[in-house]
Amino acid sequence: MFDRISASFTLAGNSWQVLRQDKKLIVFPILSGIGCFLVLASFILPLFLIRPAWLVIPNNGAPQSPWPYVVAFAYYFCNYFVIVFCNAALISCALIRFNGGEPTIGDGISAAVSRLPQILAWAFVSATVGVILKLIENANEKAGAFISAILGTAWAVMTYFVVPVLVVEKVGPVDAVTRSMSILKKTWGEALVGHVGIGFFMFLLSLPGIAIFIIGAMLAIAHPILGVPFLLLGLVYFLLLGAISSAMHGIYLGALYQYATHGSVPGGFDSNVLERAFSQKR
């Protein structure tokens, strides 16, 4: 386990270096964030203005009308579509970069567009699972939430490699989940523990943002006008940090997928670390 954690720090550093070499990859998480915000606004604003009767949920948390679940499904579908589309574009560009190419934003978008049937199908499946988990959660206030959290985590693990599978192999949802689980068996340590390395890396990058917020809060206490610029700067910093984190995770995911499926070391990654990590499974 300690070897895997150490390797995850090295591979997180490799992901950072790839992002530094190809800074345009951060555009896709930014587009994803903007898209998700627009999707949220497109659902919240009409509901706020119209305020239909079925929007009021009883105290037990289980709506009597099916409409909340219909709206939830539509929201999940649109949201997942935006996220998967942008992740597919990001991973497509990362794979091009790994193999010595010079990807453009257009290359990523074109690759995602060419996978629209698969992305739409996967968004539908993800939305369906999301609604089912919500139904389970609402079935019982405590037990339902606990079971929903466990099933949601299991689903996230099972589908870890679905996006790169959709990008490269152009398969349907069922085959994508099957392939994801098959690849996960080879990479479960690196896939799951890898988040530790990236998480620690992002924690270090978050320290300047925390300092900016503290300075802003202290200035706001003395004089609100002086604190506002620092608080806004801190907010922008953390939004950018979120985009960097998403980009690094996409790069890391693409690298693991390429090495696990093709055995070729992604450009910019430490071949010794990858070979040592995967040789432990033989």
Protein backbone atom coordinates (compact mmCIF):
# COMPACT_ATOMS: atom_id res chain seq x y z
CA MET A 1 0.00 0.00 0.00
CA PHE A 2 2.81 2.42 0.87
CA ASP A 3 4.47 1.67 -2.48
CA ARG A 4 1.19 2.49 -4.23
CA ILE A 5 0.79 5.74 -2.31
CA SER A 6 4.36 6.72 -3.19
CA ALA A 7 3.71 5.83 -6.83
CA SER A 8 0.50 7.87 -6.77
CA PHE A 9 2.48 10.96 -5.77
CA THR A 10 4.88 10.40 -8.66
CA LEU A 11 2.06 9.84 -11.16
CA ALA A 12 0.21 12.90 -9.83
CA GLY A 13 3.37 14.90 -10.52
CA ASN A 14 3.50 13.41 -14.02
CA SER A 15 -0.12 14.46 -14.60
CA TRP A 16 0.76 17.99 -13.49
CA GLN A 17 3.72 18.12 -15.87
CA VAL A 18 1.54 16.96 -18.78
CA LEU A 19 -0.96 19.70 -17.93
CA ARG A 20 1.84 22.27 -17.77
CA GLN A 21 3.05 21.19 -21.21
CA ASP A 22 -0.46 21.35 -22.67
CA LYS A 23 -2.27 24.04 -20.69
CA LYS A 24 -5.19 24.08 -23.11
CA LEU A 25 -6.45 20.85 -21.53
CA ILE A 26 -7.78 22.93 -18.65
CA VAL A 27 -10.30 24.46 -21.06
CA PHE A 28 -12.47 21.33 -20.97
CA PRO A 29 -13.09 21.33 -17.19
CA ILE A 30 -13.85 25.06 -17.42
CA LEU A 31 -16.36 24.41 -20.22
CA SER A 32 -17.83 21.58 -18.16
CA GLY A 33 -18.25 23.88 -15.16
CA ILE A 34 -19.90 26.59 -17.25
CA GLY A 35 -22.15 24.02 -18.92
CA CYS A 36 -23.24 22.51 -15.59
CA PHE A 37 -23.99 25.98 -14.22
CA LEU A 38 -26.14 26.77 -17.27
CA VAL A 39 -27.97 23.45 -16.92
CA LEU A 40 -28.65 24.19 -13.25
CA ALA A 41 -29.87 27.69 -14.05
CA SER A 42 -32.12 26.40 -16.85
CA PHE A 43 -33.90 24.13 -14.34
CA ILE A 44 -33.87 26.32 -11.22
CA LEU A 45 -35.09 29.56 -12.79
CA PRO A 46 -38.26 28.16 -14.47
CA LEU A 47 -39.17 26.21 -11.33
CA PHE A 48 -38.61 29.30 -9.18
CA LEU A 49 -40.76 31.45 -11.45
CA ILE A 50 -43.56 28.92 -12.01
CA ARG A 51 -43.48 27.24 -8.57
CA PRO A 52 -45.68 24.24 -9.45
CA ALA A 53 -47.63 22.59 -6.63
CA TRP A 54 -45.71 19.31 -6.93
CA LEU A 55 -42.49 21.15 -6.12
CA VAL A 56 -43.45 21.15 -2.43
CA ILE A 57 -42.03 17.97 -0.89
CA PRO A 58 -43.66 16.54 2.28
CA ASN A 59 -41.77 16.41 5.58
CA ASN A 60 -40.98 12.72 5.13
CA GLY A 61 -38.89 13.62 2.07
CA ALA A 62 -40.85 11.40 -0.35
CA PRO A 63 -42.77 13.39 -2.99
CA GLN A 64 -46.23 12.07 -3.85
CA SER A 65 -46.13 13.24 -7.47
CA PRO A 66 -43.85 11.57 -10.04
CA TRP A 67 -42.96 14.95 -11.53
CA PRO A 68 -40.02 15.68 -9.18
CA TYR A 69 -38.40 12.46 -10.36
CA VAL A 70 -39.11 13.26 -14.00
CA VAL A 71 -37.48 16.66 -13.58
CA ALA A 72 -34.62 15.08 -11.63
CA PHE A 73 -34.04 12.59 -14.45
CA ALA A 74 -34.00 15.38 -17.04
CA TYR A 75 -31.57 17.39 -14.92
CA TYR A 76 -29.29 14.41 -14.33
CA PHE A 77 -29.34 13.54 -18.02
CA CYS A 78 -28.36 17.06 -19.15
CA ASN A 79 -25.75 17.40 -16.41
CA TYR A 80 -24.14 14.02 -17.09
CA PHE A 81 -24.14 14.72 -20.81
CA VAL A 82 -22.15 17.94 -20.30
CA ILE A 83 -19.70 16.28 -17.90
CA VAL A 84 -19.12 13.15 -20.00
CA PHE A 85 -18.85 15.12 -23.24
CA CYS A 86 -16.16 17.43 -21.80
CA ASN A 87 -14.33 14.54 -20.10
CA ALA A 88 -14.35 12.61 -23.38
CA ALA A 89 -12.85 15.62 -25.16
CA LEU A 90 -10.19 16.01 -22.45
CA ILE A 91 -9.18 12.34 -22.47
CA SER A 92 -9.09 12.29 -26.27
CA CYS A 93 -6.61 15.18 -26.25
CA ALA A 94 -4.61 13.56 -23.44
CA LEU A 95 -4.27 10.33 -25.42
CA ILE A 96 -3.07 12.29 -28.45
CA ARG A 97 -0.51 14.05 -26.23
CA PHE A 98 0.64 10.75 -24.69
CA ASN A 99 1.51 9.44 -28.13
CA GLY A 100 3.53 12.42 -29.30
CA GLY A 101 0.80 14.44 -30.98
CA GLU A 102 -0.13 18.10 -30.55
CA PRO A 103 -3.85 18.09 -29.78
CA THR A 104 -6.05 21.13 -30.24
CA ILE A 105 -9.30 22.00 -28.51
CA GLY A 106 -11.02 21.26 -31.82
CA ASP A 107 -9.52 17.75 -31.82
CA GLY A 108 -11.06 17.04 -28.43
CA ILE A 109 -14.47 18.43 -29.36
CA SER A 110 -14.45 16.55 -32.67
CA ALA A 111 -13.61 13.30 -30.91
CA ALA A 112 -16.42 13.84 -28.40
CA VAL A 113 -18.90 14.70 -31.17
CA SER A 114 -17.99 11.49 -33.00
CA ARG A 115 -18.96 9.58 -29.82
CA LEU A 116 -22.31 11.36 -29.37
CA PRO A 117 -24.43 8.15 -29.54
CA GLN A 118 -22.29 6.51 -26.84
CA ILE A 119 -22.22 9.67 -24.69
CA LEU A 120 -26.01 10.11 -24.95
CA ALA A 121 -26.56 6.46 -24.05
CA TRP A 122 -24.24 6.72 -21.07
CA ALA A 123 -25.88 9.96 -19.89
CA PHE A 124 -29.23 8.15 -20.02
CA VAL A 125 -27.89 5.24 -17.95
CA SER A 126 -26.23 7.59 -15.44
CA ALA A 127 -29.42 9.63 -15.07
CA THR A 128 -31.44 6.45 -14.51
CA VAL A 129 -29.03 5.27 -11.82
CA GLY A 130 -29.12 8.73 -10.23
CA VAL A 131 -32.92 8.68 -9.97
CA ILE A 132 -32.92 5.12 -8.61
CA LEU A 133 -30.42 6.10 -5.92
CA LYS A 134 -32.61 9.10 -5.08
CA LEU A 135 -35.66 6.84 -4.75
CA ILE A 136 -33.72 4.55 -2.40
CA GLU A 137 -32.56 7.54 -0.39
CA ASN A 138 -36.12 8.86 -0.03
CA ALA A 139 -37.50 5.44 0.92
CA ASN A 140 -36.09 5.77 4.43
CA GLU A 141 -34.56 8.83 6.03
CA LYS A 142 -31.49 7.10 7.51
CA ALA A 143 -31.18 3.59 6.09
CA GLY A 144 -32.06 4.80 2.59
CA ALA A 145 -29.36 7.46 2.61
CA PHE A 146 -26.79 4.92 3.88
CA ILE A 147 -27.68 2.29 1.28
CA SER A 148 -27.79 4.91 -1.47
CA ALA A 149 -24.31 6.13 -0.51
CA ILE A 150 -22.89 2.59 -0.59
CA LEU A 151 -24.49 1.76 -3.94
CA GLY A 152 -23.42 5.13 -5.36
CA THR A 153 -19.81 4.51 -4.33
CA ALA A 154 -19.86 1.00 -5.79
CA TRP A 155 -21.30 2.35 -9.05
CA ALA A 156 -18.60 5.06 -9.23
CA VAL A 157 -15.86 2.44 -8.75
CA MET A 158 -17.36 0.03 -11.32
CA THR A 159 -17.64 2.79 -13.93
CA TYR A 160 -14.25 4.40 -13.27
CA PHE A 161 -12.89 3.68 -16.77
CA VAL A 162 -16.15 4.10 -18.69
CA VAL A 163 -15.25 7.44 -20.32
CA PRO A 164 -11.90 6.34 -21.85
CA VAL A 165 -13.60 3.11 -22.97
CA LEU A 166 -16.31 5.16 -24.70
CA VAL A 167 -13.65 7.40 -26.28
CA VAL A 168 -11.39 4.66 -27.62
CA GLU A 169 -13.59 1.60 -28.08
CA LYS A 170 -16.95 3.20 -29.01
CA VAL A 171 -19.04 0.59 -27.21
CA GLY A 172 -22.48 0.76 -25.61
CA PRO A 173 -23.18 1.29 -21.89
CA VAL A 174 -23.29 -2.40 -20.91
CA ASP A 175 -20.04 -3.24 -22.68
CA ALA A 176 -18.47 -0.04 -21.30
CA VAL A 177 -19.23 -1.06 -17.70
CA THR A 178 -17.95 -4.60 -18.35
CA ARG A 179 -14.72 -3.27 -19.86
CA SER A 180 -14.33 -0.73 -17.05
CA MET A 181 -14.55 -3.49 -14.43
CA SER A 182 -12.09 -5.63 -16.38
CA ILE A 183 -9.53 -2.80 -16.54
CA LEU A 184 -10.16 -1.93 -12.89
CA LYS A 185 -9.06 -5.44 -11.89
CA LYS A 186 -5.64 -4.64 -13.37
CA THR A 187 -5.36 -1.15 -11.96
CA TRP A 188 -7.53 -1.07 -8.84
CA GLY A 189 -4.64 0.05 -6.61
CA GLU A 190 -3.42 2.78 -8.93
CA ALA A 191 -6.93 3.87 -9.91
CA LEU A 192 -8.19 4.31 -6.36
CA VAL A 193 -5.05 5.23 -4.43
CA GLY A 194 -4.09 7.61 -7.24
CA HIS A 195 -6.62 10.05 -5.87
CA VAL A 196 -4.48 10.31 -2.74
CA GLY A 197 -1.54 11.72 -4.71
CA ILE A 198 -3.64 14.17 -6.69
CA GLY A 199 -5.60 15.12 -3.56
CA PHE A 200 -2.42 15.90 -1.63
CA PHE A 201 -1.05 17.82 -4.61
CA MET A 202 -4.23 19.91 -4.79
CA PHE A 203 -4.10 20.50 -1.03
CA LEU A 204 -0.66 22.06 -1.42
CA LEU A 205 -1.93 24.24 -4.26
CA SER A 206 -4.92 25.29 -2.15
CA LEU A 207 -2.75 26.82 0.61
CA PRO A 208 -2.23 30.17 -1.21
CA GLY A 209 -5.99 30.37 -1.79
CA ILE A 210 -6.68 29.73 1.89
CA ALA A 211 -4.21 32.50 2.78
CA ILE A 212 -6.00 34.88 0.39
CA PHE A 213 -9.36 34.11 2.02
CA ILE A 214 -7.94 34.65 5.51
CA ILE A 215 -6.47 38.01 4.50
CA GLY A 216 -9.77 38.98 2.87
CA ALA A 217 -11.75 37.99 5.97
CA MET A 218 -9.43 39.95 8.25
CA LEU A 219 -9.64 43.04 6.03
CA ALA A 220 -13.43 42.67 5.74
CA ILE A 221 -13.73 42.83 9.52
CA ALA A 222 -11.85 46.12 9.58
CA HIS A 223 -13.29 47.53 6.35
CA PRO A 224 -15.65 45.48 4.13
CA ILE A 225 -14.66 47.25 0.91
CA LEU A 226 -10.99 46.31 1.38
CA GLY A 227 -11.82 42.65 1.96
CA VAL A 228 -14.06 42.13 -1.10
CA PRO A 229 -11.26 42.06 -3.73
CA PHE A 230 -9.34 39.42 -1.76
CA LEU A 231 -12.45 37.30 -1.26
CA LEU A 232 -13.28 37.48 -4.97
CA LEU A 233 -9.67 36.66 -5.84
CA GLY A 234 -9.83 33.66 -3.49
CA LEU A 235 -13.06 32.48 -5.12
CA VAL A 236 -11.56 32.71 -8.62
CA TYR A 237 -8.44 30.91 -7.37
CA PHE A 238 -10.45 27.96 -6.04
CA LEU A 239 -12.58 27.77 -9.18
CA LEU A 240 -9.37 27.57 -11.21
CA LEU A 241 -8.02 24.99 -8.77
CA GLY A 242 -11.12 22.87 -9.33
CA ALA A 243 -10.52 23.00 -13.08
CA ILE A 244 -6.88 21.99 -12.58
CA SER A 245 -7.93 19.08 -10.36
CA SER A 246 -10.45 17.83 -12.95
CA ALA A 247 -7.89 18.12 -15.74
CA MET A 248 -5.28 16.19 -13.72
CA HIS A 249 -7.76 13.43 -12.93
CA GLY A 250 -8.66 13.16 -16.63
CA ILE A 251 -4.99 12.97 -17.62
CA TYR A 252 -4.28 10.39 -14.92
CA LEU A 253 -7.29 8.31 -15.96
CA GLY A 254 -6.24 8.38 -19.61
CA ALA A 255 -2.68 7.36 -18.71
CA LEU A 256 -3.83 4.38 -16.62
CA TYR A 257 -6.20 3.30 -19.38
CA GLN A 258 -3.51 3.42 -22.07
CA TYR A 259 -0.96 1.48 -20.04
CA ALA A 260 -3.46 -1.10 -18.78
CA THR A 261 -4.97 -1.81 -22.22
CA HIS A 262 -2.03 -1.35 -24.59
CA GLY A 263 1.03 -1.69 -22.37
CA SER A 264 2.56 1.48 -23.82
CA VAL A 265 3.91 4.12 -21.44
CA PRO A 266 2.10 7.45 -21.90
CA GLY A 267 4.40 10.30 -22.87
CA GLY A 268 5.31 12.35 -19.82
CA PHE A 269 4.81 9.50 -17.33
CA ASP A 270 7.44 7.58 -15.38
CA SER A 271 7.83 4.20 -17.07
CA ASN A 272 9.61 2.66 -14.05
CA VAL A 273 6.77 3.54 -11.69
CA LEU A 274 4.11 2.18 -14.06
CA GLU A 275 6.03 -1.02 -14.81
CA ARG A 276 6.74 -1.64 -11.11
CA ALA A 277 3.14 -0.99 -10.12
CA PHE A 278 1.66 -3.31 -12.73
CA SER A 279 4.30 -6.02 -12.30
CA GLN A 280 2.98 -6.51 -8.75
CA LYS A 281 -0.19 -7.98 -10.24
CA ARG A 282 1.51 -10.61 -12.37
